[in-house]
Amino acid sequence: MELKHRDHRQPTSNRRSLLLESLKRDITRLQSFQKRVSEKLTASANPEAYLEMTNSSSTKSPPSPSSSWEEVDSTVESGAELGAGEYFMDVFVGNPPRHFLLIIDTGSDLTWLQCKPCKACFDQSGPVFDPSQSTSFKIIPCNAAACDLVVHDECRDNSSKTSPKTCKYFYWYGDSSRTSGDLALESLSVSLSDHPSSLEIRDMVIGCGHSNKGLFQGAGGLLGLGQGALSFPSQLRSSPIGQSFSYCLVDRTNNLSVSSAISFGAGFALSRHFDQMKFTPFVRTNNSVETFYYLGIQGIKIDQELLPIPAERFAIATNGSGGTIIDSGTTLTYLNRDAYRAVESAFLARISYPRADPFDILGICYNATGRAAVPFPALSIVFQNGAELDLPQENYFIQPDPQEAKHCLAILPTDGMSIIGNFQQQNIHFLYDVQHARLGFANTDCSAL
C-alpha cells in the first residue's frame, strides 16, 4: 500500500507555511499526549474518578474481522490542501466500497470516519460516508462486548446494558480536535500495490463520527495503528495477516508525487530488509499508556561521542509519566528538556557555520550560503539493548525554505514524554513487530521500495 505526505501536491514555494502548520499541529498533538498520560495517572490513582472523566480502553479483544490474505502491501497517500495529520492512506469503506483518505496514526487506536447525518463535520476530500448506503454497516449495541472497549454515559448504567441501545464513543485529540458518534462494524478494503485486486476486511470495529472537529481537514477520518485493542493492527491479530506492520517514509525533498510504502503482515516490502534490520524491544510498565509504542533509550551520540545524558531522562517514570515513543503523526522529534540541552550544546560546540535567525520555534539555525555541501555532525540514537539508529543528516537539520541556505535543527525540547517524529524516520524502514514486542529498523532509500 502507498503512503503520501499531506504536502505532496503543494508547490515548493509553500514549504515555509507548510512547516509552520506542521509545528502548530505538533504543539496540539503534544498537548493531547500529555492529557492522555495525565488521565492514565488519574486512572491508576482513582479508577472510579477516571471513568467519570474520560473514555478508557480495555485489554479485551474486539470481534475478529475476517480475511483470507496473509499480507497487505500498499501505499500511503496524502492531500495537498489537507489540513491535518501527516500521512494518508487510501481506504475503501462499506459495501459497495467507497473511497476515503484516512490519516494513519500510531498514537491512537480507534479507526473512525465522518458519517451522515453530520451534526458537525470538518471539510474533507470527497463525500462524507453514508452508512445507510452500505449493506455491511452494523451498529454495535451497548450490550455487545466491543462496547466495553469504550466508556460512554449512555452505556454506563446497568439498565442500558440489557437493551440494544447504540454504543456511543467520544475521542479527544488535543486542543479542540475531537470525534464522537456511533460504534459500528463495517467492511474496510485497501488497494494492493502488487496485486490487481483489493483486500476486504469484514466486521472491523470503527467509529461512525457524527460530530467531528479540529485538525483533520481534508481527510475522511483516521486509521488507528496504536497498540490498544481497538486499533487496526490489533483487530487483525487473529487473522492470517497478523498484527505486525511496517512503513518506509520517503525523503520530503524527493518528488512529492513519490509514495511511501506501508505493509501489514508478512508482505514483500515488510520482509525485504529483514536481514539488515536492527531490533530494539518495546517497553511498557503498569502505568504507561497502552496505545503508545515506547522505546528504551540508553543515550544519544554526536559524532560517535555518547553525550552525558542519564538514561532515566528517557525512561518511563514509576507513575507512568515521561518515557520515549515513536510516532507517525508528530512531525519533528521532541526530547526531554535535559536531553535536549545536551544535544543542543554538542551541536553548538561542533558547528562553525554562521548562525542564522530562528525559524519560528526552531532556534538553532545556520547560514550555509555559498556552500555546495553542508555537512553536519553525525547523530545516533542508542537503544537500551545496544542497537544504534544512525539518522541521515537530512532527518535532523531541515531547510525551512528550499530557496534559502538556512538549515535549522529539527529537534525541540519538551517537558513531557520524548517523541521520535516522522521527519526523523525518513528513509528508514521501520518494522513494528508487535508479535515479538520489538521495533526493527534499517536505513534504505524508501523511494526504491
Foldseek 3Di string as FASTA:
>chain_A
DAKFWQQQPPDLQCLLVVVVLLVVQQVQQVQLVVVLLVLLLCCVVPVVVSLVPFKAFDPDADDAWAFQDQKFKDGWYHHNPQQAFTMWAWKFWAVVTDTFIAHEKLQDAAWEFEEPPAPADAAADDDAHYLVPGPQKFFAFLLDPVLSRIRDPQSPDPVRNVDRHFRKHKDDRGDRWIFIATWIWIKMWHDGPPDPDITITGGQTHGHTRYGDDRGHHGRTHQHLFQTNNHPLNSCCPYSQHNKKKWAAAACVPNSVQTIMIMTGPDCVQCVCVVVKDKFFFDDDPSADRGFRFFQFCAKDWLNHGFPDHSCQQPQDPSHWAHETEIAGRAFWEGAQVRVVRVVVVQVVPDDADFDCASVPQHGKGAPPPDPDDDGTWMWIAGPVGDIDTFDVCLQWDDSRPVGRMTTGRYYYDNTYIYHYVSRRHQKMWMCPVVVRMIIIDHHRRSVD
